Amino acid sequence: MHTETQETKTSLFLPEVGTEGKKVRIYFDGQPLDVPDDVSVASALLMSGVRTFRLTPISGSARAPYCMMGVCFECLVEIDGRPSRQSCLTQVRDGMVVQHQEGASALNLQSAES
C-alpha cells in the first residue's frame, strides 16, 4: 500500500522555502514571468504553472518536458524568434521571449544553402 507523504505532494519545480534568490523577467506567450535566474527555461515555465510547451505536428496534442536532459525533445519552444529550441537545455536570461510551438518548425532552405 502506498501512502502519500508531504514530500510526494510537493512539486519538484517549486523553489525551496527561503531560497528565493535573484529573479529575471522572461515572457511566455506575451505574459511576463519573474523566475529564478539560475534555472532552465523548462524549469522556469514549470515553476510558473505552464503545462503545455508545444503541440505535435500530426495530432496537435499538447506536450511538455519529459526527460529534462535533452533526449526526448518534448520541451521544444520558440526562444527569441528561433523555433525548436530545447527549453530544458537553455538557461533563462532577463528579457527572453518564449513562445509555445505549434507543430513542426518551418525549414528555411534559403539560409541552409548559403
N, C-alpha and C. Protein backbone atom coordinates (compact mmCIF):
# COMPACT_ATOMS: atom_id res chain seq x y z
N MET A 1 0.84 -1.18 0.00
CA MET A 1 0.00 0.00 0.00
C MET A 1 0.88 1.24 0.00
N HIS A 2 0.57 2.18 -0.86
CA HIS A 2 1.35 3.41 -1.00
C HIS A 2 0.64 4.53 -0.24
N THR A 3 1.37 5.17 0.66
CA THR A 3 0.79 6.32 1.36
C THR A 3 1.54 7.56 0.93
N GLU A 4 0.76 8.62 0.67
CA GLU A 4 1.40 9.87 0.25
C GLU A 4 1.98 10.58 1.46
N THR A 5 3.18 11.10 1.28
CA THR A 5 3.79 11.91 2.32
C THR A 5 3.79 13.35 1.85
N GLN A 6 4.14 14.25 2.71
CA GLN A 6 4.23 15.66 2.31
C GLN A 6 5.24 15.82 1.19
N GLU A 7 6.30 15.04 1.22
CA GLU A 7 7.32 15.12 0.18
C GLU A 7 6.78 14.74 -1.18
N THR A 8 5.93 13.71 -1.28
CA THR A 8 5.40 13.30 -2.57
C THR A 8 4.34 14.26 -3.10
N LYS A 9 3.80 15.11 -2.26
CA LYS A 9 2.80 16.08 -2.70
C LYS A 9 3.43 17.38 -3.18
N THR A 10 4.71 17.58 -2.94
CA THR A 10 5.40 18.81 -3.30
C THR A 10 5.97 18.69 -4.71
N SER A 11 5.73 19.70 -5.53
CA SER A 11 6.26 19.70 -6.89
C SER A 11 7.78 19.79 -6.87
N LEU A 12 8.39 19.11 -7.82
CA LEU A 12 9.85 19.18 -7.95
C LEU A 12 10.30 20.53 -8.49
N PHE A 13 9.37 21.30 -9.06
CA PHE A 13 9.74 22.53 -9.73
C PHE A 13 9.23 23.76 -8.98
N LEU A 14 9.27 23.69 -7.68
CA LEU A 14 8.98 24.85 -6.84
C LEU A 14 10.24 25.15 -6.05
N PRO A 15 10.58 26.44 -5.91
CA PRO A 15 11.78 26.75 -5.12
C PRO A 15 11.57 26.38 -3.66
N GLU A 16 12.63 25.97 -3.01
CA GLU A 16 12.55 25.67 -1.59
C GLU A 16 12.30 26.95 -0.82
N VAL A 17 11.54 26.83 0.25
CA VAL A 17 11.23 27.99 1.08
C VAL A 17 12.51 28.60 1.60
N GLY A 18 12.63 29.91 1.47
CA GLY A 18 13.80 30.62 1.97
C GLY A 18 14.98 30.65 1.02
N THR A 19 14.81 30.11 -0.20
CA THR A 19 15.92 30.08 -1.15
C THR A 19 15.71 31.02 -2.33
N GLU A 20 14.71 31.89 -2.23
CA GLU A 20 14.45 32.81 -3.34
C GLU A 20 15.65 33.73 -3.52
N GLY A 21 16.27 33.65 -4.67
CA GLY A 21 17.43 34.48 -4.98
C GLY A 21 17.07 35.52 -6.01
N LYS A 22 18.03 35.83 -6.84
CA LYS A 22 17.83 36.83 -7.89
C LYS A 22 16.82 36.33 -8.92
N LYS A 23 15.98 37.23 -9.38
CA LYS A 23 14.96 36.90 -10.38
C LYS A 23 15.26 37.63 -11.68
N VAL A 24 14.81 37.06 -12.77
CA VAL A 24 14.84 37.71 -14.07
C VAL A 24 13.42 37.67 -14.62
N ARG A 25 13.14 38.54 -15.56
CA ARG A 25 11.82 38.56 -16.19
C ARG A 25 11.94 37.99 -17.59
N ILE A 26 11.15 36.96 -17.83
CA ILE A 26 11.01 36.41 -19.17
C ILE A 26 9.56 36.58 -19.58
N TYR A 27 9.28 36.37 -20.85
CA TYR A 27 7.91 36.49 -21.36
C TYR A 27 7.54 35.19 -22.04
N PHE A 28 6.41 34.61 -21.64
CA PHE A 28 5.92 33.40 -22.27
C PHE A 28 4.56 33.69 -22.89
N ASP A 29 4.48 33.55 -24.19
CA ASP A 29 3.26 33.88 -24.94
C ASP A 29 2.73 35.26 -24.55
N GLY A 30 3.65 36.21 -24.39
CA GLY A 30 3.29 37.59 -24.10
C GLY A 30 3.09 37.92 -22.63
N GLN A 31 3.08 36.92 -21.76
CA GLN A 31 2.87 37.15 -20.33
C GLN A 31 4.21 37.26 -19.61
N PRO A 32 4.41 38.31 -18.81
CA PRO A 32 5.67 38.42 -18.06
C PRO A 32 5.71 37.41 -16.91
N LEU A 33 6.85 36.79 -16.74
CA LEU A 33 7.06 35.85 -15.64
C LEU A 33 8.36 36.21 -14.94
N ASP A 34 8.32 36.37 -13.64
CA ASP A 34 9.53 36.60 -12.86
C ASP A 34 9.98 35.25 -12.31
N VAL A 35 11.16 34.82 -12.75
CA VAL A 35 11.65 33.48 -12.45
C VAL A 35 13.07 33.54 -11.90
N PRO A 36 13.52 32.49 -11.20
CA PRO A 36 14.91 32.47 -10.73
C PRO A 36 15.88 32.57 -11.90
N ASP A 37 16.99 33.26 -11.69
CA ASP A 37 17.94 33.49 -12.79
C ASP A 37 18.86 32.32 -13.08
N ASP A 38 18.81 31.27 -12.28
CA ASP A 38 19.78 30.19 -12.42
C ASP A 38 19.13 28.86 -12.81
N VAL A 39 18.02 28.91 -13.56
CA VAL A 39 17.32 27.69 -13.94
C VAL A 39 17.15 27.64 -15.45
N SER A 40 16.77 26.48 -15.95
CA SER A 40 16.49 26.33 -17.37
C SER A 40 15.14 26.96 -17.70
N VAL A 41 14.93 27.21 -18.97
CA VAL A 41 13.65 27.74 -19.42
C VAL A 41 12.54 26.76 -19.05
N ALA A 42 12.76 25.46 -19.26
CA ALA A 42 11.75 24.46 -18.93
C ALA A 42 11.39 24.52 -17.45
N SER A 43 12.39 24.56 -16.58
CA SER A 43 12.12 24.64 -15.14
C SER A 43 11.37 25.91 -14.78
N ALA A 44 11.79 27.03 -15.37
CA ALA A 44 11.13 28.31 -15.09
C ALA A 44 9.66 28.27 -15.49
N LEU A 45 9.38 27.71 -16.66
CA LEU A 45 7.99 27.64 -17.12
C LEU A 45 7.17 26.70 -16.24
N LEU A 46 7.74 25.55 -15.88
CA LEU A 46 7.02 24.62 -15.00
C LEU A 46 6.74 25.26 -13.64
N MET A 47 7.73 25.98 -13.09
CA MET A 47 7.54 26.68 -11.81
C MET A 47 6.43 27.71 -11.90
N SER A 48 6.25 28.26 -13.09
CA SER A 48 5.25 29.31 -13.30
C SER A 48 3.87 28.75 -13.66
N GLY A 49 3.75 27.45 -13.68
CA GLY A 49 2.45 26.83 -13.93
C GLY A 49 2.16 26.48 -15.38
N VAL A 50 3.12 26.67 -16.27
CA VAL A 50 2.92 26.33 -17.68
C VAL A 50 2.94 24.81 -17.82
N ARG A 51 1.94 24.26 -18.48
CA ARG A 51 1.86 22.81 -18.64
C ARG A 51 1.88 22.36 -20.10
N THR A 52 1.75 23.28 -21.06
CA THR A 52 1.84 22.94 -22.48
C THR A 52 2.93 23.79 -23.11
N PHE A 53 3.95 23.13 -23.64
CA PHE A 53 5.07 23.81 -24.27
C PHE A 53 4.94 23.82 -25.79
N ARG A 54 4.38 22.75 -26.32
CA ARG A 54 4.26 22.65 -27.77
C ARG A 54 3.07 21.76 -28.11
N LEU A 55 2.66 21.83 -29.39
CA LEU A 55 1.63 20.95 -29.93
C LEU A 55 2.27 20.11 -31.02
N THR A 56 1.94 18.83 -31.06
CA THR A 56 2.57 17.94 -32.03
C THR A 56 2.13 18.26 -33.45
N PRO A 57 3.01 18.01 -34.44
CA PRO A 57 2.68 18.33 -35.83
C PRO A 57 1.52 17.50 -36.40
N ILE A 58 1.37 16.27 -35.98
CA ILE A 58 0.36 15.37 -36.57
C ILE A 58 -1.00 15.54 -35.91
N SER A 59 -1.09 15.28 -34.62
CA SER A 59 -2.39 15.28 -33.94
C SER A 59 -2.72 16.59 -33.24
N GLY A 60 -1.72 17.43 -33.04
CA GLY A 60 -1.95 18.68 -32.31
C GLY A 60 -2.07 18.48 -30.81
N SER A 61 -1.66 17.32 -30.31
CA SER A 61 -1.76 17.07 -28.87
C SER A 61 -0.68 17.85 -28.11
N ALA A 62 -1.01 18.20 -26.88
CA ALA A 62 -0.13 19.00 -26.04
C ALA A 62 1.04 18.18 -25.53
N ARG A 63 2.20 18.83 -25.47
CA ARG A 63 3.41 18.20 -24.94
C ARG A 63 4.09 19.15 -23.96
N ALA A 64 4.85 18.54 -23.06
CA ALA A 64 5.62 19.28 -22.05
C ALA A 64 6.89 18.48 -21.76
N PRO A 65 7.84 19.07 -21.03
CA PRO A 65 9.09 18.36 -20.77
C PRO A 65 8.86 16.99 -20.13
N TYR A 66 9.71 16.07 -20.53
CA TYR A 66 9.64 14.71 -20.00
C TYR A 66 10.95 14.31 -19.35
N CYS A 67 12.05 14.36 -20.11
CA CYS A 67 13.32 13.85 -19.58
C CYS A 67 14.14 14.91 -18.86
N MET A 68 13.98 16.17 -19.23
CA MET A 68 14.72 17.30 -18.65
C MET A 68 16.24 17.19 -18.84
N MET A 69 16.67 16.44 -19.88
CA MET A 69 18.11 16.35 -20.14
C MET A 69 18.43 16.35 -21.63
N GLY A 70 17.48 16.79 -22.47
CA GLY A 70 17.77 16.98 -23.88
C GLY A 70 17.64 15.77 -24.77
N VAL A 71 17.03 14.70 -24.30
CA VAL A 71 16.93 13.48 -25.09
C VAL A 71 15.58 13.37 -25.81
N CYS A 72 14.49 13.75 -25.17
CA CYS A 72 13.16 13.45 -25.70
C CYS A 72 12.58 14.50 -26.64
N PHE A 73 13.04 15.73 -26.61
CA PHE A 73 12.58 16.83 -27.46
C PHE A 73 11.12 17.22 -27.23
N GLU A 74 10.54 16.85 -26.11
CA GLU A 74 9.16 17.23 -25.80
C GLU A 74 9.06 18.68 -25.33
N CYS A 75 10.17 19.29 -24.98
CA CYS A 75 10.17 20.63 -24.41
C CYS A 75 10.44 21.74 -25.43
N LEU A 76 10.32 21.43 -26.72
CA LEU A 76 10.65 22.42 -27.75
C LEU A 76 9.74 23.65 -27.67
N VAL A 77 10.36 24.82 -27.75
CA VAL A 77 9.65 26.09 -27.76
C VAL A 77 10.39 27.04 -28.70
N GLU A 78 9.77 28.17 -28.98
CA GLU A 78 10.45 29.22 -29.73
C GLU A 78 11.06 30.18 -28.72
N ILE A 79 12.35 30.47 -28.86
CA ILE A 79 13.04 31.38 -27.95
C ILE A 79 13.64 32.52 -28.77
N ASP A 80 13.23 33.72 -28.45
CA ASP A 80 13.71 34.92 -29.15
C ASP A 80 13.62 34.78 -30.67
N GLY A 81 12.48 34.24 -31.14
CA GLY A 81 12.23 34.12 -32.56
C GLY A 81 12.83 32.90 -33.23
N ARG A 82 13.54 32.08 -32.48
CA ARG A 82 14.16 30.88 -33.05
C ARG A 82 13.37 29.64 -32.62
N PRO A 83 12.73 28.94 -33.57
CA PRO A 83 11.91 27.78 -33.23
C PRO A 83 12.74 26.55 -32.85
N SER A 84 12.06 25.59 -32.25
CA SER A 84 12.64 24.28 -31.93
C SER A 84 13.84 24.34 -31.01
N ARG A 85 13.79 25.22 -30.02
CA ARG A 85 14.85 25.29 -29.00
C ARG A 85 14.49 24.35 -27.86
N GLN A 86 15.45 23.60 -27.38
CA GLN A 86 15.23 22.70 -26.25
C GLN A 86 15.25 23.54 -24.96
N SER A 87 14.08 23.72 -24.38
CA SER A 87 13.97 24.59 -23.20
C SER A 87 14.64 23.99 -21.98
N CYS A 88 14.81 22.68 -21.94
CA CYS A 88 15.46 22.08 -20.77
C CYS A 88 16.97 22.30 -20.77
N LEU A 89 17.54 22.65 -21.93
CA LEU A 89 18.98 22.86 -22.04
C LEU A 89 19.37 24.34 -22.16
N THR A 90 18.37 25.22 -22.07
CA THR A 90 18.62 26.65 -22.25
C THR A 90 18.37 27.38 -20.93
N GLN A 91 19.37 28.09 -20.45
CA GLN A 91 19.21 28.84 -19.20
C GLN A 91 18.46 30.15 -19.48
N VAL A 92 17.61 30.54 -18.54
CA VAL A 92 16.87 31.79 -18.69
C VAL A 92 17.83 32.97 -18.61
N ARG A 93 17.42 34.06 -19.25
CA ARG A 93 18.13 35.33 -19.10
C ARG A 93 17.10 36.44 -19.16
N ASP A 94 17.41 37.54 -18.56
CA ASP A 94 16.47 38.65 -18.47
C ASP A 94 16.03 39.12 -19.86
N GLY A 95 14.73 39.28 -20.04
CA GLY A 95 14.18 39.78 -21.28
C GLY A 95 13.90 38.72 -22.34
N MET A 96 14.20 37.48 -22.05
CA MET A 96 13.99 36.39 -23.01
C MET A 96 12.51 36.29 -23.38
N VAL A 97 12.24 36.10 -24.68
CA VAL A 97 10.87 35.95 -25.16
C VAL A 97 10.68 34.50 -25.62
N VAL A 98 9.75 33.82 -24.97
CA VAL A 98 9.49 32.41 -25.23
C VAL A 98 8.05 32.26 -25.71
N GLN A 99 7.87 31.46 -26.76
CA GLN A 99 6.52 31.19 -27.29
C GLN A 99 6.34 29.68 -27.35
N HIS A 100 5.11 29.22 -27.07
CA HIS A 100 4.87 27.79 -27.27
C HIS A 100 4.97 27.51 -28.77
N GLN A 101 5.24 26.27 -29.11
CA GLN A 101 5.44 25.92 -30.51
C GLN A 101 4.29 25.06 -30.98
N GLU A 102 3.70 25.44 -32.11
CA GLU A 102 2.60 24.67 -32.69
C GLU A 102 3.12 23.88 -33.88
N GLY A 103 3.17 22.57 -33.74
CA GLY A 103 3.63 21.71 -34.82
C GLY A 103 5.12 21.82 -35.08
N ALA A 104 5.52 21.38 -36.25
CA ALA A 104 6.93 21.41 -36.63
C ALA A 104 7.31 22.82 -37.07
N SER A 105 8.56 23.16 -36.87
CA SER A 105 9.01 24.47 -37.33
C SER A 105 9.25 24.41 -38.83
N ALA A 106 9.06 25.56 -39.48
CA ALA A 106 9.30 25.62 -40.92
C ALA A 106 10.80 25.63 -41.19
N LEU A 107 11.19 24.96 -42.24
CA LEU A 107 12.60 24.96 -42.63
C LEU A 107 12.87 26.17 -43.51
N ASN A 108 13.97 26.85 -43.24
CA ASN A 108 14.38 27.96 -44.07
C ASN A 108 15.48 27.46 -44.97
N LEU A 109 15.08 26.95 -46.14
CA LEU A 109 16.06 26.34 -47.05
C LEU A 109 17.02 27.35 -47.64
N GLN A 110 16.59 28.57 -47.80
CA GLN A 110 17.46 29.61 -48.37
C GLN A 110 18.68 29.83 -47.48
N SER A 111 18.48 29.91 -46.17
CA SER A 111 19.63 30.13 -45.28
C SER A 111 20.50 28.88 -45.19
N ALA A 112 19.92 27.70 -45.41
CA ALA A 112 20.71 26.46 -45.36
C ALA A 112 21.63 26.35 -46.58
N GLU A 113 21.21 26.97 -47.69
CA GLU A 113 22.02 26.90 -48.91
C GLU A 113 23.21 27.85 -48.88
N SER A 114 23.14 28.92 -48.08
CA SER A 114 24.23 29.90 -48.09
C SER A 114 25.35 29.52 -47.17
